Amino acid sequence: KRLTRVEATMVTKSYLDDKLADLKGDLIEKMKKQESKINTLIDLLARRSILKKEDVALFKKEFQIFPSLREVGA
C-alpha cells in the first residue's frame, strides 16, 4: 500500500519537463514586457529631449534582453 501511494504522488520526468517549460515561457513573456516598458520609457525621454541620441543608443544596447532583427541589421 505504501509503495502504491508513493508511486501515485511521485513526479514524473515528463511532468517536470512540462512544468519547467511552462515556467520558462512565463519568464520569457515577463522579460519581454519589461523590455518593452524600458524601451517605451527611453523613447519618451528621447522625444522630450531629456536624453541625447548617444544616450538612447547606449541605454537600448545595455538594457536589451532579446535582440530584434531590425537592430541586428542596423
PDB file of N, CA and C in Angstrom:
ATOM      1  N   LYS A   1       0.827  -1.199   0.000  1.00  0.00           N
ATOM      2  CA  LYS A   1       0.000   0.000   0.000  1.00  0.00           C
ATOM      3  C   LYS A   1       0.864   1.254   0.000  1.00  0.00           C
ATOM      4  N   ARG A   2       1.866   1.244   0.830  1.00  0.00           N
ATOM      5  CA  ARG A   2       2.707   2.425   0.963  1.00  0.00           C
ATOM      6  C   ARG A   2       3.437   2.734  -0.343  1.00  0.00           C
ATOM      7  N   LEU A   3       3.956   1.734  -1.024  1.00  0.00           N
ATOM      8  CA  LEU A   3       4.656   1.921  -2.285  1.00  0.00           C
ATOM      9  C   LEU A   3       3.698   2.415  -3.369  1.00  0.00           C
ATOM     10  N   THR A   4       2.488   1.919  -3.389  1.00  0.00           N
ATOM     11  CA  THR A   4       1.486   2.368  -4.353  1.00  0.00           C
ATOM     12  C   THR A   4       1.178   3.845  -4.150  1.00  0.00           C
ATOM     13  N   ARG A   5       1.096   4.254  -2.900  1.00  0.00           N
ATOM     14  CA  ARG A   5       0.824   5.659  -2.590  1.00  0.00           C
ATOM     15  C   ARG A   5       1.974   6.550  -3.053  1.00  0.00           C
ATOM     16  N   VAL A   6       3.188   6.114  -2.846  1.00  0.00           N
ATOM     17  CA  VAL A   6       4.350   6.880  -3.272  1.00  0.00           C
ATOM     18  C   VAL A   6       4.366   6.995  -4.796  1.00  0.00           C
ATOM     19  N   GLU A   7       4.087   5.920  -5.496  1.00  0.00           N
ATOM     20  CA  GLU A   7       4.058   5.950  -6.957  1.00  0.00           C
ATOM     21  C   GLU A   7       2.954   6.864  -7.468  1.00  0.00           C
ATOM     22  N   ALA A   8       1.843   6.941  -6.796  1.00  0.00           N
ATOM     23  CA  ALA A   8       0.727   7.778  -7.232  1.00  0.00           C
ATOM     24  C   ALA A   8       1.038   9.268  -7.069  1.00  0.00           C
ATOM     25  N   THR A   9       1.837   9.611  -6.080  1.00  0.00           N
ATOM     26  CA  THR A   9       2.142  11.017  -5.829  1.00  0.00           C
ATOM     27  C   THR A   9       3.506  11.436  -6.371  1.00  0.00           C
ATOM     28  N   MET A  10       4.221  10.516  -6.977  1.00  0.00           N
ATOM     29  CA  MET A  10       5.561  10.789  -7.475  1.00  0.00           C
ATOM     30  C   MET A  10       5.503  11.664  -8.731  1.00  0.00           C
ATOM     31  N   VAL A  11       6.445  12.589  -8.837  1.00  0.00           N
ATOM     32  CA  VAL A  11       6.542  13.458 -10.005  1.00  0.00           C
ATOM     33  C   VAL A  11       7.329  12.722 -11.083  1.00  0.00           C
ATOM     34  N   THR A  12       6.767  12.682 -12.275  1.00  0.00           N
ATOM     35  CA  THR A  12       7.462  12.012 -13.378  1.00  0.00           C
ATOM     36  C   THR A  12       8.340  13.016 -14.116  1.00  0.00           C
ATOM     37  N   LYS A  13       9.267  12.492 -14.875  1.00  0.00           N
ATOM     38  CA  LYS A  13      10.170  13.356 -15.636  1.00  0.00           C
ATOM     39  C   LYS A  13       9.404  14.178 -16.657  1.00  0.00           C
ATOM     40  N   SER A  14       8.467  13.592 -17.353  1.00  0.00           N
ATOM     41  CA  SER A  14       7.713  14.339 -18.367  1.00  0.00           C
ATOM     42  C   SER A  14       6.876  15.450 -17.725  1.00  0.00           C
ATOM     43  N   TYR A  15       6.295  15.192 -16.575  1.00  0.00           N
ATOM     44  CA  TYR A  15       5.519  16.208 -15.859  1.00  0.00           C
ATOM     45  C   TYR A  15       6.437  17.371 -15.465  1.00  0.00           C
ATOM     46  N   LEU A  16       7.597  17.035 -14.933  1.00  0.00           N
ATOM     47  CA  LEU A  16       8.551  18.061 -14.527  1.00  0.00           C
ATOM     48  C   LEU A  16       9.048  18.858 -15.729  1.00  0.00           C
ATOM     49  N   ASP A  17       9.328  18.182 -16.840  1.00  0.00           N
ATOM     50  CA  ASP A  17       9.759  18.868 -18.063  1.00  0.00           C
ATOM     51  C   ASP A  17       8.686  19.847 -18.539  1.00  0.00           C
ATOM     52  N   ASP A  18       7.430  19.422 -18.518  1.00  0.00           N
ATOM     53  CA  ASP A  18       6.331  20.297 -18.933  1.00  0.00           C
ATOM     54  C   ASP A  18       6.213  21.519 -18.029  1.00  0.00           C
ATOM     55  N   LYS A  19       6.318  21.314 -16.739  1.00  0.00           N
ATOM     56  CA  LYS A  19       6.211  22.430 -15.797  1.00  0.00           C
ATOM     57  C   LYS A  19       7.379  23.412 -15.951  1.00  0.00           C
ATOM     58  N   LEU A  20       8.578  22.889 -16.162  1.00  0.00           N
ATOM     59  CA  LEU A  20       9.737  23.759 -16.365  1.00  0.00           C
ATOM     60  C   LEU A  20       9.627  24.536 -17.676  1.00  0.00           C
ATOM     61  N   ALA A  21       9.106  23.903 -18.711  1.00  0.00           N
ATOM     62  CA  ALA A  21       8.904  24.596 -19.984  1.00  0.00           C
ATOM     63  C   ALA A  21       7.866  25.709 -19.827  1.00  0.00           C
ATOM     64  N   ASP A  22       6.802  25.447 -19.087  1.00  0.00           N
ATOM     65  CA  ASP A  22       5.788  26.475 -18.831  1.00  0.00           C
ATOM     66  C   ASP A  22       6.395  27.643 -18.056  1.00  0.00           C
ATOM     67  N   LEU A  23       7.201  27.337 -17.066  1.00  0.00           N
ATOM     68  CA  LEU A  23       7.842  28.376 -16.270  1.00  0.00           C
ATOM     69  C   LEU A  23       8.771  29.220 -17.131  1.00  0.00           C
ATOM     70  N   LYS A  24       9.543  28.560 -17.984  1.00  0.00           N
ATOM     71  CA  LYS A  24      10.453  29.284 -18.872  1.00  0.00           C
ATOM     72  C   LYS A  24       9.674  30.209 -19.800  1.00  0.00           C
ATOM     73  N   GLY A  25       8.581  29.722 -20.346  1.00  0.00           N
ATOM     74  CA  GLY A  25       7.745  30.549 -21.216  1.00  0.00           C
ATOM     75  C   GLY A  25       7.175  31.754 -20.484  1.00  0.00           C
ATOM     76  N   ASP A  26       6.719  31.541 -19.261  1.00  0.00           N
ATOM     77  CA  ASP A  26       6.184  32.647 -18.459  1.00  0.00           C
ATOM     78  C   ASP A  26       7.262  33.686 -18.162  1.00  0.00           C
ATOM     79  N   LEU A  27       8.464  33.227 -17.841  1.00  0.00           N
ATOM     80  CA  LEU A  27       9.555  34.154 -17.549  1.00  0.00           C
ATOM     81  C   LEU A  27       9.968  34.945 -18.788  1.00  0.00           C
ATOM     82  N   ILE A  28      10.011  34.304 -19.921  1.00  0.00           N
ATOM     83  CA  ILE A  28      10.360  34.998 -21.162  1.00  0.00           C
ATOM     84  C   ILE A  28       9.312  36.054 -21.483  1.00  0.00           C
ATOM     85  N   GLU A  29       8.052  35.712 -21.305  1.00  0.00           N
ATOM     86  CA  GLU A  29       6.968  36.668 -21.553  1.00  0.00           C
ATOM     87  C   GLU A  29       7.102  37.891 -20.640  1.00  0.00           C
ATOM     88  N   LYS A  30       7.381  37.676 -19.381  1.00  0.00           N
ATOM     89  CA  LYS A  30       7.540  38.793 -18.444  1.00  0.00           C
ATOM     90  C   LYS A  30       8.761  39.632 -18.784  1.00  0.00           C
ATOM     91  N   MET A  31       9.839  38.999 -19.202  1.00  0.00           N
ATOM     92  CA  MET A  31      11.046  39.739 -19.570  1.00  0.00           C
ATOM     93  C   MET A  31      10.813  40.586 -20.815  1.00  0.00           C
ATOM     94  N   LYS A  32      10.045  40.071 -21.777  1.00  0.00           N
ATOM     95  CA  LYS A  32       9.728  40.842 -22.984  1.00  0.00           C
ATOM     96  C   LYS A  32       8.868  42.053 -22.642  1.00  0.00           C
ATOM     97  N   LYS A  33       7.914  41.875 -21.737  1.00  0.00           N
ATOM     98  CA  LYS A  33       7.094  43.006 -21.309  1.00  0.00           C
ATOM     99  C   LYS A  33       7.943  44.050 -20.613  1.00  0.00           C
ATOM    100  N   GLN A  34       8.865  43.605 -19.782  1.00  0.00           N
ATOM    101  CA  GLN A  34       9.756  44.532 -19.075  1.00  0.00           C
ATOM    102  C   GLN A  34      10.627  45.292 -20.060  1.00  0.00           C
ATOM    103  N   GLU A  35      11.166  44.604 -21.047  1.00  0.00           N
ATOM    104  CA  GLU A  35      11.999  45.251 -22.053  1.00  0.00           C
ATOM    105  C   GLU A  35      11.191  46.271 -22.844  1.00  0.00           C
ATOM    106  N   SER A  36       9.953  45.942 -23.152  1.00  0.00           N
ATOM    107  CA  SER A  36       9.079  46.858 -23.869  1.00  0.00           C
ATOM    108  C   SER A  36       8.827  48.124 -23.051  1.00  0.00           C
ATOM    109  N   LYS A  37       8.614  47.969 -21.764  1.00  0.00           N
ATOM    110  CA  LYS A  37       8.398  49.129 -20.894  1.00  0.00           C
ATOM    111  C   LYS A  37       9.645  50.011 -20.842  1.00  0.00           C
ATOM    112  N   ILE A  38      10.801  49.390 -20.736  1.00  0.00           N
ATOM    113  CA  ILE A  38      12.056  50.149 -20.688  1.00  0.00           C
ATOM    114  C   ILE A  38      12.261  50.911 -21.993  1.00  0.00           C
ATOM    115  N   ASN A  39      12.015  50.254 -23.131  1.00  0.00           N
ATOM    116  CA  ASN A  39      12.182  50.912 -24.422  1.00  0.00           C
ATOM    117  C   ASN A  39      11.193  52.066 -24.590  1.00  0.00           C
ATOM    118  N   THR A  40       9.974  51.893 -24.102  1.00  0.00           N
ATOM    119  CA  THR A  40       8.985  52.968 -24.161  1.00  0.00           C
ATOM    120  C   THR A  40       9.450  54.162 -23.341  1.00  0.00           C
ATOM    121  N   LEU A  41       9.972  53.917 -22.169  1.00  0.00           N
ATOM    122  CA  LEU A  41      10.480  54.986 -21.322  1.00  0.00           C
ATOM    123  C   LEU A  41      11.662  55.700 -21.977  1.00  0.00           C
ATOM    124  N   ILE A  42      12.571  54.942 -22.550  1.00  0.00           N
ATOM    125  CA  ILE A  42      13.724  55.544 -23.229  1.00  0.00           C
ATOM    126  C   ILE A  42      13.260  56.408 -24.395  1.00  0.00           C
ATOM    127  N   ASP A  43      12.318  55.906 -25.189  1.00  0.00           N
ATOM    128  CA  ASP A  43      11.799  56.670 -26.320  1.00  0.00           C
ATOM    129  C   ASP A  43      11.098  57.948 -25.868  1.00  0.00           C
ATOM    130  N   LEU A  44      10.338  57.860 -24.795  1.00  0.00           N
ATOM    131  CA  LEU A  44       9.647  59.029 -24.258  1.00  0.00           C
ATOM    132  C   LEU A  44      10.653  60.094 -23.799  1.00  0.00           C
ATOM    133  N   LEU A  45      11.682  59.673 -23.094  1.00  0.00           N
ATOM    134  CA  LEU A  45      12.706  60.612 -22.647  1.00  0.00           C
ATOM    135  C   LEU A  45      13.467  61.222 -23.824  1.00  0.00           C
ATOM    136  N   ALA A  46      13.656  60.466 -24.869  1.00  0.00           N
ATOM    137  CA  ALA A  46      14.340  60.988 -26.056  1.00  0.00           C
ATOM    138  C   ALA A  46      13.453  61.998 -26.788  1.00  0.00           C
ATOM    139  N   ARG A  47      12.162  61.702 -26.908  1.00  0.00           N
ATOM    140  CA  ARG A  47      11.241  62.635 -27.573  1.00  0.00           C
ATOM    141  C   ARG A  47      11.142  63.957 -26.828  1.00  0.00           C
ATOM    142  N   ARG A  48      11.271  63.929 -25.534  1.00  0.00           N
ATOM    143  CA  ARG A  48      11.206  65.158 -24.723  1.00  0.00           C
ATOM    144  C   ARG A  48      12.572  65.819 -24.575  1.00  0.00           C
ATOM    145  N   SER A  49      13.526  65.345 -25.339  1.00  0.00           N
ATOM    146  CA  SER A  49      14.892  65.905 -25.364  1.00  0.00           C
ATOM    147  C   SER A  49      15.581  65.842 -24.004  1.00  0.00           C
ATOM    148  N   ILE A  50      15.266  64.839 -23.234  1.00  0.00           N
ATOM    149  CA  ILE A  50      15.934  64.639 -21.951  1.00  0.00           C
ATOM    150  C   ILE A  50      17.187  63.789 -22.146  1.00  0.00           C
ATOM    151  N   LEU A  51      17.117  62.864 -23.094  1.00  0.00           N
ATOM    152  CA  LEU A  51      18.266  62.022 -23.423  1.00  0.00           C
ATOM    153  C   LEU A  51      18.821  62.398 -24.788  1.00  0.00           C
ATOM    154  N   LYS A  52      20.132  62.356 -24.908  1.00  0.00           N
ATOM    155  CA  LYS A  52      20.785  62.573 -26.195  1.00  0.00           C
ATOM    156  C   LYS A  52      20.706  61.284 -27.006  1.00  0.00           C
ATOM    157  N   LYS A  53      20.941  61.404 -28.311  1.00  0.00           N
ATOM    158  CA  LYS A  53      20.898  60.227 -29.190  1.00  0.00           C
ATOM    159  C   LYS A  53      21.912  59.172 -28.756  1.00  0.00           C
ATOM    160  N   GLU A  54      23.076  59.622 -28.316  1.00  0.00           N
ATOM    161  CA  GLU A  54      24.109  58.677 -27.879  1.00  0.00           C
ATOM    162  C   GLU A  54      23.665  57.914 -26.633  1.00  0.00           C
ATOM    163  N   ASP A  55      22.982  58.645 -25.741  1.00  0.00           N
ATOM    164  CA  ASP A  55      22.477  58.007 -24.524  1.00  0.00           C
ATOM    165  C   ASP A  55      21.390  56.986 -24.836  1.00  0.00           C
ATOM    166  N   VAL A  56      20.517  57.338 -25.786  1.00  0.00           N
ATOM    167  CA  VAL A  56      19.446  56.416 -26.183  1.00  0.00           C
ATOM    168  C   VAL A  56      20.042  55.128 -26.730  1.00  0.00           C
ATOM    169  N   ALA A  57      21.032  55.263 -27.606  1.00  0.00           N
ATOM    170  CA  ALA A  57      21.678  54.079 -28.183  1.00  0.00           C
ATOM    171  C   ALA A  57      22.356  53.244 -27.093  1.00  0.00           C
ATOM    172  N   LEU A  58      23.019  53.915 -26.168  1.00  0.00           N
ATOM    173  CA  LEU A  58      23.703  53.208 -25.080  1.00  0.00           C
ATOM    174  C   LEU A  58      22.707  52.466 -24.195  1.00  0.00           C
ATOM    175  N   PHE A  59      21.633  53.153 -23.796  1.00  0.00           N
ATOM    176  CA  PHE A  59      20.638  52.524 -22.927  1.00  0.00           C
ATOM    177  C   PHE A  59      19.957  51.350 -23.620  1.00  0.00           C
ATOM    178  N   LYS A  60      19.604  51.521 -24.882  1.00  0.00           N
ATOM    179  CA  LYS A  60      18.929  50.422 -25.590  1.00  0.00           C
ATOM    180  C   LYS A  60      19.864  49.217 -25.739  1.00  0.00           C
ATOM    181  N   LYS A  61      21.149  49.491 -25.906  1.00  0.00           N
ATOM    182  CA  LYS A  61      22.110  48.389 -26.007  1.00  0.00           C
ATOM    183  C   LYS A  61      22.293  47.713 -24.650  1.00  0.00           C
ATOM    184  N   GLU A  62      22.418  48.504 -23.595  1.00  0.00           N
ATOM    185  CA  GLU A  62      22.650  47.965 -22.254  1.00  0.00           C
ATOM    186  C   GLU A  62      21.454  47.195 -21.710  1.00  0.00           C
ATOM    187  N   PHE A  63      20.247  47.695 -21.974  1.00  0.00           N
ATOM    188  CA  PHE A  63      19.053  47.081 -21.413  1.00  0.00           C
ATOM    189  C   PHE A  63      18.391  46.090 -22.347  1.00  0.00           C
ATOM    190  N   GLN A  64      19.018  45.782 -23.465  1.00  0.00           N
ATOM    191  CA  GLN A  64      18.440  44.850 -24.434  1.00  0.00           C
ATOM    192  C   GLN A  64      18.512  43.426 -23.901  1.00  0.00           C
ATOM    193  N   ILE A  65      17.359  42.783 -23.891  1.00  0.00           N
ATOM    194  CA  ILE A  65      17.297  41.400 -23.430  1.00  0.00           C
ATOM    195  C   ILE A  65      17.205  40.457 -24.623  1.00  0.00           C
ATOM    196  N   PHE A  66      16.319  40.804 -25.552  1.00  0.00           N
ATOM    197  CA  PHE A  66      16.101  39.988 -26.739  1.00  0.00           C
ATOM    198  C   PHE A  66      16.442  40.808 -27.977  1.00  0.00           C
ATOM    199  N   PRO A  67      17.467  40.418 -28.730  1.00  0.00           N
ATOM    200  CA  PRO A  67      17.808  41.185 -29.935  1.00  0.00           C
ATOM    201  C   PRO A  67      16.704  41.064 -30.976  1.00  0.00           C
ATOM    202  N   SER A  68      16.485  42.156 -31.714  1.00  0.00           N
ATOM    203  CA  SER A  68      15.488  42.123 -32.777  1.00  0.00           C
ATOM    204  C   SER A  68      16.195  42.182 -34.116  1.00  0.00           C
ATOM    205  N   LEU A  69      15.534  41.731 -35.150  1.00  0.00           N
ATOM    206  CA  LEU A  69      16.129  41.718 -36.482  1.00  0.00           C
ATOM    207  C   LEU A  69      16.395  43.142 -36.964  1.00  0.00           C
ATOM    208  N   ARG A  70      15.522  44.074 -36.596  1.00  0.00           N
ATOM    209  CA  ARG A  70      15.674  45.461 -37.013  1.00  0.00           C
ATOM    210  C   ARG A  70      16.991  46.028 -36.481  1.00  0.00           C
ATOM    211  N   GLU A  71      17.331  45.727 -35.241  1.00  0.00           N
ATOM    212  CA  GLU A  71      18.534  46.268 -34.638  1.00  0.00           C
ATOM    213  C   GLU A  71      19.788  45.532 -35.079  1.00  0.00           C
ATOM    214  N   VAL A  72      19.662  44.260 -35.440  1.00  0.00           N
ATOM    215  CA  VAL A  72      20.813  43.496 -35.895  1.00  0.00           C
ATOM    216  C   VAL A  72      21.258  43.995 -37.247  1.00  0.00           C
ATOM    217  N   GLY A  73      20.316  44.315 -38.136  1.00  0.00           N
ATOM    218  CA  GLY A  73      20.636  44.798 -39.471  1.00  0.00           C
ATOM    219  C   GLY A  73      21.104  46.234 -39.489  1.00  0.00           C
ATOM    220  N   ALA A  74      20.827  46.980 -38.436  1.00  0.00           N
ATOM    221  CA  ALA A  74      21.184  48.411 -38.409  1.00  0.00           C
ATOM    222  C   ALA A  74      22.651  48.622 -38.132  1.00  0.00           C
TER     223      ALA A  74
END
